[in-house]
Protein backbone atom coordinates (compact mmCIF):
# COMPACT_ATOMS: atom_id res chain seq x y z
CA MET A 1 100.32 93.40 102.16
CA ALA A 2 101.15 95.94 102.66
CA GLU A 3 104.27 96.35 100.50
CA LYS A 4 101.73 94.45 97.70
CA ARG A 5 99.96 97.80 97.59
CA LYS A 6 103.18 99.16 97.70
CA GLY A 7 104.04 97.41 94.69
CA PHE A 8 100.76 98.13 93.08
CA GLY A 9 101.30 102.01 93.62
CA SER A 10 104.59 102.11 91.95
CA THR A 11 103.77 100.57 88.84
CA LEU A 12 100.60 102.70 88.17
CA LEU A 13 103.06 105.64 89.09
CA LEU A 14 104.90 104.69 86.44
CA ILE A 15 102.28 103.52 83.79
CA ILE A 16 100.74 106.96 84.46
CA GLY A 17 104.53 108.33 83.33
CA CYS A 18 104.24 106.23 80.04
CA LEU A 19 100.90 107.78 79.47
CA LEU A 20 102.09 111.41 80.20
CA PRO A 21 102.98 111.90 77.08
CA LEU A 22 100.56 110.24 75.04
CA ILE A 23 97.76 112.54 76.87
CA PHE A 24 100.42 115.69 76.07
CA LEU A 25 100.86 114.66 72.66
CA PHE A 26 96.89 114.31 71.88
CA LEU A 27 96.25 118.27 73.94
CA LEU A 28 98.30 120.07 71.76
CA SER A 29 96.67 118.26 68.60
CA GLY A 30 94.03 119.65 69.65
CA MET A 31 95.01 123.17 69.94
CA GLY A 32 96.56 122.65 66.29
CA ILE A 33 100.08 122.96 67.57
CA ASN A 34 102.49 119.83 66.13
CA ILE A 35 105.88 118.99 67.87
CA SER A 36 108.55 117.35 66.50
CA PRO A 37 108.85 113.52 67.10
CA TRP A 38 112.19 113.66 68.42
CA ILE A 39 111.42 116.40 71.00
CA PHE A 40 107.91 113.52 72.04
CA LEU A 41 110.66 111.07 71.65
CA LEU A 42 112.42 113.04 74.63
CA ILE A 43 109.02 113.81 76.80
CA PHE A 44 108.03 110.44 76.64
CA ILE A 45 111.49 108.79 77.78
CA ILE A 46 111.75 111.12 80.56
CA CYS A 47 108.30 111.11 81.96
CA PRO A 48 108.85 107.05 83.90
CA LEU A 49 112.40 107.71 83.99
CA VAL A 50 112.27 110.15 86.60
CA LEU A 51 108.98 108.74 88.34
CA ALA A 52 110.75 105.84 88.40
CA LYS A 53 113.87 108.27 90.25
CA LEU A 54 110.89 109.75 93.10
CA ILE A 55 109.62 106.70 93.55
CA GLY A 56 113.65 105.38 94.23
CA ILE A 57 114.52 108.37 95.98
CA GLU A 58 110.82 107.52 98.40
CA GLU A 59 111.77 104.01 99.61
CA GLU A 60 115.51 105.11 100.08
CA LYS A 61 113.94 107.36 102.79
CA LYS A 62 112.29 104.89 104.24
CA PRO A 63 113.64 105.05 107.87
CA GLU A 64 116.36 102.73 109.19
CA THR A 65 114.41 101.48 112.01
CA GLU A 66 111.37 100.25 109.88
CA ASP A 67 114.32 97.99 108.57
CA ILE A 68 115.51 96.18 111.60
CA GLU A 69 111.48 96.38 112.38
CA GLN A 70 110.91 93.87 109.75
CA GLU A 71 114.26 91.48 109.65
CA ARG A 72 113.48 91.26 113.73
CA ALA A 73 110.04 89.93 111.84
CA LEU A 74 111.50 87.83 109.69
CA LYS A 75 114.34 86.52 112.10
CA GLU A 76 110.89 85.42 114.62
CA LYS A 77 108.73 84.32 111.66
CA ALA A 78 112.00 81.91 109.81
CA VAL A 79 111.28 78.38 110.00
CA ARG A 80 111.95 76.50 113.10
CA PRO A 81 115.47 73.93 112.68
CA GLU A 82 112.86 71.39 114.16
CA GLU A 83 110.80 71.97 111.66
CA ALA A 84 112.69 71.87 108.92
CA LYS A 85 113.88 68.07 110.04
CA GLU A 86 110.43 66.52 110.39
CA MET A 87 110.44 67.90 106.25
CA SER A 88 113.18 66.58 105.46
CA ASP A 89 112.42 63.30 107.09
CA LEU A 90 109.48 62.69 104.57
CA PHE A 91 111.80 62.57 101.26
CA SER A 92 112.67 58.92 100.40
CA TRP A 93 115.78 57.91 98.02
CA ASP A 94 112.88 56.85 95.52
CA VAL A 95 110.84 59.88 95.08
CA PHE A 96 114.06 63.03 95.44
CA PHE A 97 117.21 61.84 96.71
CA LEU A 98 117.79 64.80 99.76
CA LYS A 99 121.67 65.97 99.68
CA ARG A 100 121.30 69.66 101.48
CA THR A 101 118.17 71.05 103.65
CA GLU A 102 118.32 75.33 104.09
CA ILE A 103 116.12 77.68 105.76
CA SER A 104 115.76 80.93 103.52
CA GLY A 105 112.88 83.07 106.05
CA GLU A 106 109.76 81.22 106.27
CA SER A 107 110.22 79.01 103.31
CA VAL A 108 112.95 75.31 103.15
CA ILE A 109 115.31 74.43 100.29
CA PHE A 110 115.72 71.04 99.24
CA GLU A 111 118.55 70.25 96.71
CA GLY A 112 119.25 66.87 95.61
CA SER A 113 118.18 65.14 92.95
CA LEU A 114 115.09 63.29 91.52
CA LYS A 115 114.70 59.95 90.99
CA THR A 116 111.75 59.59 89.25
CA LYS A 117 109.24 61.50 87.37
CA PRO A 118 108.64 65.14 88.38
CA GLU A 119 105.02 65.26 88.10
CA SER A 120 104.72 62.29 90.23
CA ALA A 121 107.70 63.02 92.37
CA LEU A 122 105.60 67.15 92.60
CA GLU A 123 102.63 64.55 93.34
CA THR A 124 104.13 62.44 96.72
CA LEU A 125 105.61 64.66 98.56
CA ARG A 126 102.45 67.15 98.39
CA LYS A 127 100.72 64.83 99.62
CA ARG A 128 103.27 63.78 102.21
CA PHE A 129 103.53 67.31 103.47
CA ASN A 130 99.44 67.69 103.57
CA GLU A 131 99.34 64.60 105.90
CA LYS A 132 102.15 66.11 108.00
CA PHE A 133 101.71 69.66 107.92
CA GLY A 134 97.69 70.06 106.30
CA LYS A 135 97.79 73.65 104.05
CA LYS A 136 100.64 74.72 105.94
CA TYR A 137 103.02 74.73 103.14
CA GLU A 138 102.88 74.50 99.60
CA VAL A 139 105.65 71.94 98.02
CA LEU A 140 107.07 73.63 94.62
CA LEU A 141 109.51 71.97 92.63
CA GLN A 142 112.00 74.51 90.66
CA GLN A 143 115.30 74.88 89.30
CA ASP A 144 118.12 76.37 90.82
CA ASN A 145 121.03 78.70 89.00
CA ASP A 146 123.42 75.58 87.01
CA GLU A 147 119.57 74.48 86.50
CA LYS A 148 119.27 70.90 88.39
CA ALA A 149 115.91 70.31 90.30
CA VAL A 150 115.65 71.46 93.80
CA VAL A 151 112.53 71.03 96.60
CA VAL A 152 110.77 74.64 98.21
CA ALA A 153 108.29 74.12 100.54
CA VAL A 154 106.48 77.76 100.79
CA PRO A 155 104.23 78.99 103.48
CA SER A 156 100.82 78.69 101.73
CA LYS A 157 99.79 82.27 102.99
CA LEU A 158 102.26 83.58 100.44
CA LEU A 159 100.73 82.00 97.44
CA PRO A 160 97.92 83.54 96.07
CA THR A 161 95.02 81.77 96.27
CA GLU A 162 91.96 80.72 94.28
CA GLN A 163 88.81 82.06 94.91
CA THR A 164 85.52 79.75 95.90
CA ALA A 165 83.37 82.75 94.75
CA SER A 166 83.30 84.28 91.03
CA PRO A 167 83.42 88.44 91.51
CA SER A 168 80.43 90.15 89.93
CA PRO A 169 81.22 90.57 86.23
CA ILE A 170 79.91 94.64 86.82
CA LEU A 171 83.19 95.82 86.12
CA ASN A 172 84.01 94.03 83.58
CA ILE A 173 80.92 94.87 81.85
CA ILE A 174 81.15 98.05 82.18
CA LEU A 175 84.40 98.60 80.73
CA PHE A 176 83.45 96.62 77.87
CA ALA A 177 80.81 99.25 77.18
CA ALA A 178 82.97 102.03 77.81
CA THR A 179 85.69 101.08 75.45
CA LEU A 180 82.85 99.84 72.55
CA VAL A 181 81.95 103.79 72.49
CA THR A 182 85.22 105.07 72.52
CA THR A 183 86.66 102.86 69.68
CA THR A 184 83.02 103.46 68.18
CA ALA A 185 84.12 107.25 68.88
CA VAL A 186 87.58 106.61 66.72
CA GLY A 187 86.63 104.18 64.21
CA ALA A 188 83.90 107.72 63.21
CA SER A 189 86.90 109.95 63.29
CA HIS A 190 88.78 108.32 60.67
CA HIS A 191 85.57 109.63 58.47
CA GLY A 192 85.90 112.95 59.79
CA VAL A 193 82.44 112.19 62.09
CA ASP A 194 82.27 113.88 65.06
CA LEU A 195 80.04 112.24 66.71
CA LEU A 196 79.51 114.68 69.77
CA ALA A 197 78.08 117.10 67.23
CA GLU A 198 77.12 114.35 64.74
CA PRO A 199 75.39 111.07 67.37
CA LEU A 200 73.38 109.38 64.78
CA ARG A 201 76.01 108.63 62.17
CA PHE A 202 78.00 106.55 65.15
CA VAL A 203 77.06 103.80 62.75
CA GLU A 204 80.35 104.71 60.29
CA GLY A 205 83.01 103.94 63.62
CA LEU A 206 81.33 100.36 64.37
CA PRO A 207 83.74 98.99 61.56
CA TYR A 208 86.76 99.58 63.03
CA ALA A 209 85.03 99.55 67.31
CA LEU A 210 83.62 96.15 66.03
CA GLY A 211 86.51 94.89 64.23
CA ILE A 212 89.17 96.02 67.34
CA MET A 213 87.01 94.92 70.14
CA ALA A 214 86.82 90.96 68.50
CA VAL A 215 90.28 91.17 68.51
CA LEU A 216 91.34 92.41 72.10
CA GLY A 217 87.85 89.68 73.06
CA VAL A 218 89.15 86.75 71.28
CA HIS A 219 92.58 87.20 72.33
CA GLU A 220 91.78 87.57 76.10
CA LEU A 221 89.63 85.08 75.82
CA GLY A 222 91.96 82.95 74.56
CA HIS A 223 93.76 82.51 77.75
CA TYR A 224 90.95 82.54 80.03
CA ILE A 225 89.36 79.45 78.15
CA ALA A 226 93.08 77.63 77.98
CA ALA A 227 94.17 79.00 81.81
CA ARG A 228 90.58 77.37 83.10
CA ARG A 229 90.61 74.30 81.31
CA HIS A 230 94.37 73.83 83.74
CA GLY A 231 92.23 74.48 86.67
CA LEU A 232 93.61 78.42 87.05
CA ASP A 233 91.51 80.92 88.75
CA THR A 234 91.38 83.95 86.71
CA THR A 235 89.03 87.16 85.73
CA LEU A 236 87.35 88.03 83.05
CA PRO A 237 89.13 90.27 80.78
CA PHE A 238 89.30 93.86 81.45
CA PHE A 239 89.25 96.43 78.60
CA ILE A 240 90.67 99.69 79.45
CA PRO A 241 89.29 102.97 76.99
CA VAL A 242 90.72 106.04 76.69
CA PRO A 243 89.13 108.91 74.40
CA PHE A 244 91.51 109.57 71.80
CA GLY A 245 94.53 107.86 70.27
CA LEU A 246 93.32 103.96 69.52
CA GLY A 247 90.28 104.26 71.69
CA THR A 248 91.82 101.54 73.86
CA PHE A 249 94.50 100.49 75.44
CA GLY A 250 93.79 96.98 74.65
CA ALA A 251 92.85 94.16 77.56
CA VAL A 252 94.51 92.11 80.10
CA ILE A 253 92.57 88.86 82.44
CA GLN A 254 94.69 88.71 85.88
CA MET A 255 95.54 85.69 87.29
CA LYS A 256 94.94 84.54 90.95
CA SER A 257 96.36 81.38 91.26
CA LEU A 258 100.21 79.41 90.20
CA VAL A 259 100.61 78.63 87.70
CA LYS A 260 101.03 74.36 88.12
CA ASN A 261 103.33 73.25 84.88
CA ARG A 262 105.41 74.24 81.76
CA LYS A 263 102.43 72.90 79.61
CA ALA A 264 100.06 75.56 81.68
CA LEU A 265 102.33 78.11 81.15
CA PHE A 266 102.48 77.43 77.61
CA ASP A 267 99.03 76.71 77.20
CA THR A 268 97.58 79.72 78.31
CA GLY A 269 100.35 81.99 77.04
CA ILE A 270 99.69 80.75 73.58
CA ALA A 271 95.89 80.79 73.18
CA GLY A 272 95.96 84.27 73.34
CA PRO A 273 97.84 85.57 70.38
CA LEU A 274 96.29 82.23 68.44
CA ALA A 275 92.81 83.46 69.27
CA GLY A 276 93.72 86.48 68.02
CA LEU A 277 95.20 86.23 64.94
CA ALA A 278 92.67 83.72 64.36
CA VAL A 279 90.21 86.62 64.22
CA ALA A 280 92.85 89.03 63.11
CA LEU A 281 93.61 87.35 59.26
CA PRO A 282 89.73 87.55 58.50
CA ILE A 283 89.12 90.95 59.31
CA LEU A 284 92.84 92.27 57.50
CA PHE A 285 91.56 89.79 54.87
CA ILE A 286 88.57 91.61 54.11
CA GLY A 287 89.22 94.87 55.26
CA LEU A 288 91.90 95.09 52.38
CA ARG A 289 89.57 94.49 49.06
CA TYR A 290 87.82 98.11 50.80
CA SER A 291 91.04 99.44 51.22
CA THR A 292 92.80 102.07 48.79
CA PHE A 293 95.84 101.07 46.61
CA ILE A 294 97.37 104.41 45.48
CA PRO A 295 101.34 103.75 42.86
CA GLY A 296 104.22 105.41 44.75
CA ASP A 297 105.00 106.20 47.96
CA THR A 298 102.48 109.22 48.48
CA GLY A 299 102.79 109.62 52.35
CA ALA A 300 99.50 108.68 52.84
CA GLY A 301 99.27 104.79 53.95
CA MET A 302 101.62 102.05 54.51
CA ASN A 303 103.58 100.06 52.06
CA VAL A 304 102.53 97.11 51.09
CA SER A 305 105.81 95.06 51.47
CA SER A 306 106.22 96.42 54.74
CA SER A 307 104.64 93.77 56.51
CA ALA A 308 105.43 89.87 54.81
CA LEU A 309 102.13 88.93 56.52
CA LEU A 310 100.23 91.76 55.13
CA ALA A 311 102.34 91.69 51.60
CA PHE A 312 101.18 87.85 51.36
CA LEU A 313 97.50 88.68 52.24
CA ALA A 314 96.80 91.95 50.04
CA LYS A 315 97.95 89.42 46.97
CA LEU A 316 95.57 86.83 48.50
CA SER A 317 93.05 89.56 49.17
CA VAL A 318 92.86 91.85 45.91
CA GLY A 319 95.57 89.74 43.52
CA GLU A 320 97.24 92.12 40.83
CA ALA A 321 95.86 95.65 43.13
CA ALA A 322 98.46 95.09 45.32
CA SER A 323 101.69 95.73 44.14
CA ALA A 324 105.50 96.01 46.54
CA SER A 325 105.53 99.97 45.40
CA HIS A 326 102.41 100.49 46.32
CA THR A 327 101.04 102.57 49.43
CA VAL A 328 97.51 101.25 50.95
CA VAL A 329 95.33 103.59 52.46
CA LEU A 330 93.90 101.00 55.14
CA HIS A 331 90.02 100.89 55.38
CA PRO A 332 88.77 100.85 59.14
CA LEU A 333 88.16 97.54 59.25
CA ALA A 334 91.89 96.71 57.42
CA PHE A 335 93.06 99.03 60.02
CA ALA A 336 91.55 96.95 62.76
CA GLY A 337 93.23 94.33 61.27
CA TRP A 338 96.14 95.65 61.22
CA LEU A 339 96.78 96.56 64.62
CA GLY A 340 94.97 92.94 65.72
CA LEU A 341 98.53 91.40 63.97
CA MET A 342 100.72 94.74 65.49
CA ILE A 343 99.09 93.86 69.11
CA THR A 344 99.84 90.01 68.38
CA ALA A 345 103.33 90.68 67.19
CA LEU A 346 103.67 92.27 70.35
CA ASN A 347 103.19 90.34 72.77
CA LEU A 348 105.18 87.50 71.23
CA LEU A 349 107.69 88.96 71.89
CA PRO A 350 109.65 86.95 74.42
CA ILE A 351 110.87 88.52 77.15
CA GLY A 352 109.19 88.73 80.77
CA GLN A 353 105.91 88.77 80.54
CA LEU A 354 104.73 89.41 77.50
CA ASP A 355 102.74 86.40 76.39
CA GLY A 356 105.80 85.42 74.28
CA GLY A 357 107.89 86.04 77.37
CA HIS A 358 105.93 83.24 78.65
CA ILE A 359 106.10 81.13 75.99
CA GLY A 360 110.31 81.13 75.94
CA TYR A 361 110.20 80.25 79.40
CA ALA A 362 108.38 77.08 78.99
CA LEU A 363 110.47 76.17 76.55
CA PHE A 364 113.61 77.32 77.02
CA GLY A 365 113.38 77.45 81.10
CA ARG A 366 114.32 80.63 83.82
CA LYS A 367 118.20 81.25 83.04
CA ARG A 368 117.76 80.84 78.84
CA SER A 369 115.07 82.36 78.95
CA GLU A 370 116.16 85.62 80.12
CA ILE A 371 119.29 85.50 77.75
CA ILE A 372 116.76 85.42 75.35
CA ALA A 373 114.82 88.43 76.74
CA HIS A 374 117.62 90.38 77.04
CA VAL A 375 118.59 89.57 73.35
CA ALA A 376 115.28 90.44 72.61
CA PHE A 377 115.18 93.55 74.26
CA PHE A 378 118.53 95.26 72.42
CA ALA A 379 117.12 93.97 69.15
CA ILE A 380 113.93 96.49 69.61
CA VAL A 381 116.13 99.01 71.27
CA MET A 382 118.43 98.93 67.19
CA LEU A 383 115.31 98.59 65.12
CA GLY A 384 114.18 102.32 67.48
CA ILE A 385 117.44 103.86 66.40
CA PHE A 386 118.13 102.66 62.93
CA VAL A 387 114.56 101.34 61.52
CA TRP A 388 111.55 103.26 63.18
CA THR A 389 111.63 104.99 66.14
CA GLY A 390 108.34 104.01 67.61
CA TRP A 391 110.39 101.12 68.75
CA LEU A 392 112.31 103.07 71.45
CA ALA A 393 108.27 103.88 73.22
CA TRP A 394 107.93 100.05 73.15
CA ALA A 395 111.03 99.42 74.51
CA LEU A 396 110.39 101.89 77.66
CA ILE A 397 106.62 100.06 77.85
CA ILE A 398 108.37 96.50 77.95
CA PHE A 399 111.26 97.90 80.54
CA PHE A 400 108.77 99.32 82.32
CA LEU A 401 105.73 97.32 82.99
CA SER A 402 107.26 93.98 81.14
CA GLY A 403 110.64 93.33 83.03
CA PHE A 404 112.96 90.50 81.87
CA LYS A 405 111.57 87.63 83.85
CA SER A 406 108.27 85.69 83.46
CA MET A 407 106.82 83.97 86.72
CA PRO A 408 107.87 79.86 87.00
CA PRO A 409 105.23 77.27 87.81
CA MET A 410 104.78 75.23 90.56
CA ASN A 411 106.80 72.60 88.64
CA ASP A 412 109.74 73.95 86.81
CA VAL A 413 111.40 70.84 86.13
CA ALA A 414 108.73 68.85 83.59
CA GLU A 415 109.57 70.04 79.76
CA LEU A 416 107.27 70.13 76.88
CA ASP A 417 106.31 67.65 74.86
CA ARG A 418 107.22 67.37 71.20
CA LYS A 419 103.88 69.01 69.70
CA ARG A 420 103.96 72.70 72.02
CA VAL A 421 107.69 72.74 71.01
CA VAL A 422 106.18 72.81 67.30
CA LEU A 423 103.54 75.17 68.34
CA GLY A 424 106.06 78.04 69.97
CA ALA A 425 108.08 77.07 67.08
CA PHE A 426 105.43 78.19 64.55
CA THR A 427 104.26 81.45 66.43
CA PHE A 428 107.85 82.62 66.63
CA VAL A 429 108.14 82.00 63.15
CA LEU A 430 104.37 84.15 62.56
CA LEU A 431 106.10 87.06 64.99
CA PHE A 432 108.66 87.04 61.89
CA LEU A 433 106.24 87.53 59.60
CA ILE A 434 104.50 90.26 61.07
CA LEU A 435 107.16 92.34 61.81
CA SER A 436 109.87 91.92 58.96
CA PRO A 437 109.43 93.47 55.35
CA MET A 438 108.95 91.52 52.40
CA PRO A 439 112.28 90.06 51.02
CA HIS A 440 112.81 91.40 47.26
CA ALA A 441 113.06 87.79 45.64
CA PHE A 442 109.33 86.71 47.63
CA GLN A 443 107.41 89.61 46.38
CA LYS A 444 108.43 88.49 42.98
CA ALA A 445 107.60 84.74 43.90
CA LEU A 446 103.70 85.96 44.89
CA GLY A 447 103.81 88.52 41.87
CA LEU A 448 104.29 91.92 43.26
CA HIS A 449 106.14 93.33 40.55
CA CYS A 450 108.61 94.44 43.22
CA PRO A 451 110.37 97.86 40.97
CA TYR A 452 113.87 97.05 42.11
CA VAL A 453 114.56 93.35 40.96
């Protein structure tokens, strides 16, 4: 338990390190002081790096006697050879042909080869272990570095346990209400309204607030419903309110139990982005009708062709009013929809603990998904250097808060069916359409009248 609290504290410090530059910029802008984007980016990079270094120094100062005591405690808790032998006797040639047994602390690893389908093999072994040892051990079916199946017996006390009673939703409701207030205030500020001075004009902030809350809420509810369908224990969404910027840092749910297999991992990961996208697209489509399209690059908005999906929706929404050379000043409702698309795109990046990381793991497995994650991260850094410096900020956040590894399911051997593979490929096509500019050839085909061809 102490290790878990320590890990949470370190993560919390890194989150604060990422947020400090944003708070710093907000305070300066309130004082009428503008700073160079490059100086801000430098501060954004330095803050979490310094905190990470300090955390590392504190860990290095840990007394050597503490390490010795921990090592002695692990040896005392290690599985006895006699008990490991009793476990190996539970294997049979028709389920899992056992070749080698290895004791790893409190766990035991069994190497060999599957002789039946992964689902039935795991179910048979779990039943035998429960009959022999009760609930003392949980049986997992994993892959080694050579992508061969291995069975791992892990003490149940080391794994998350499902809660019998649902926690009170009071905190979820309070955070939801607080986020609705902060996003309404930000939406009103888009119209030049200060709700502290004119609280009765809160209605002007509702289009943005309700739009962004709908996207975030439906996104997390998609995760929640998919997790529940697979029997996973999870919390309701926690919204994160902030009194500046976008009015929120999004919403999260917390998984309380292990994911059973790759299908559950895939379904839970993909449900959020698709559900959020189903809300963001119509919100953006409607909001574009109330947005302002200005000929040329005025610097007051965003270029219509900066995103392939945005250009397509603009053409459908306003027709001839959308030209590839136009700048669109988004209505607050359209801005909420556009943020929904960006939130979806960021979550679909195939990296670590992001939704795309879970989808990539379910599709390609542990080894290949980690390679893809490193390639995707490198691509983000390159985009940050050569296209838009904001990608560097996102790369830093992903590096510290997500990492490159996704949580493996209990059954990490059974592969996905064809329908899920096709759906996974479709989501990454959506990622490309959101982030990539509209090619000139397609601009002409859509009737966007690009002036450069």
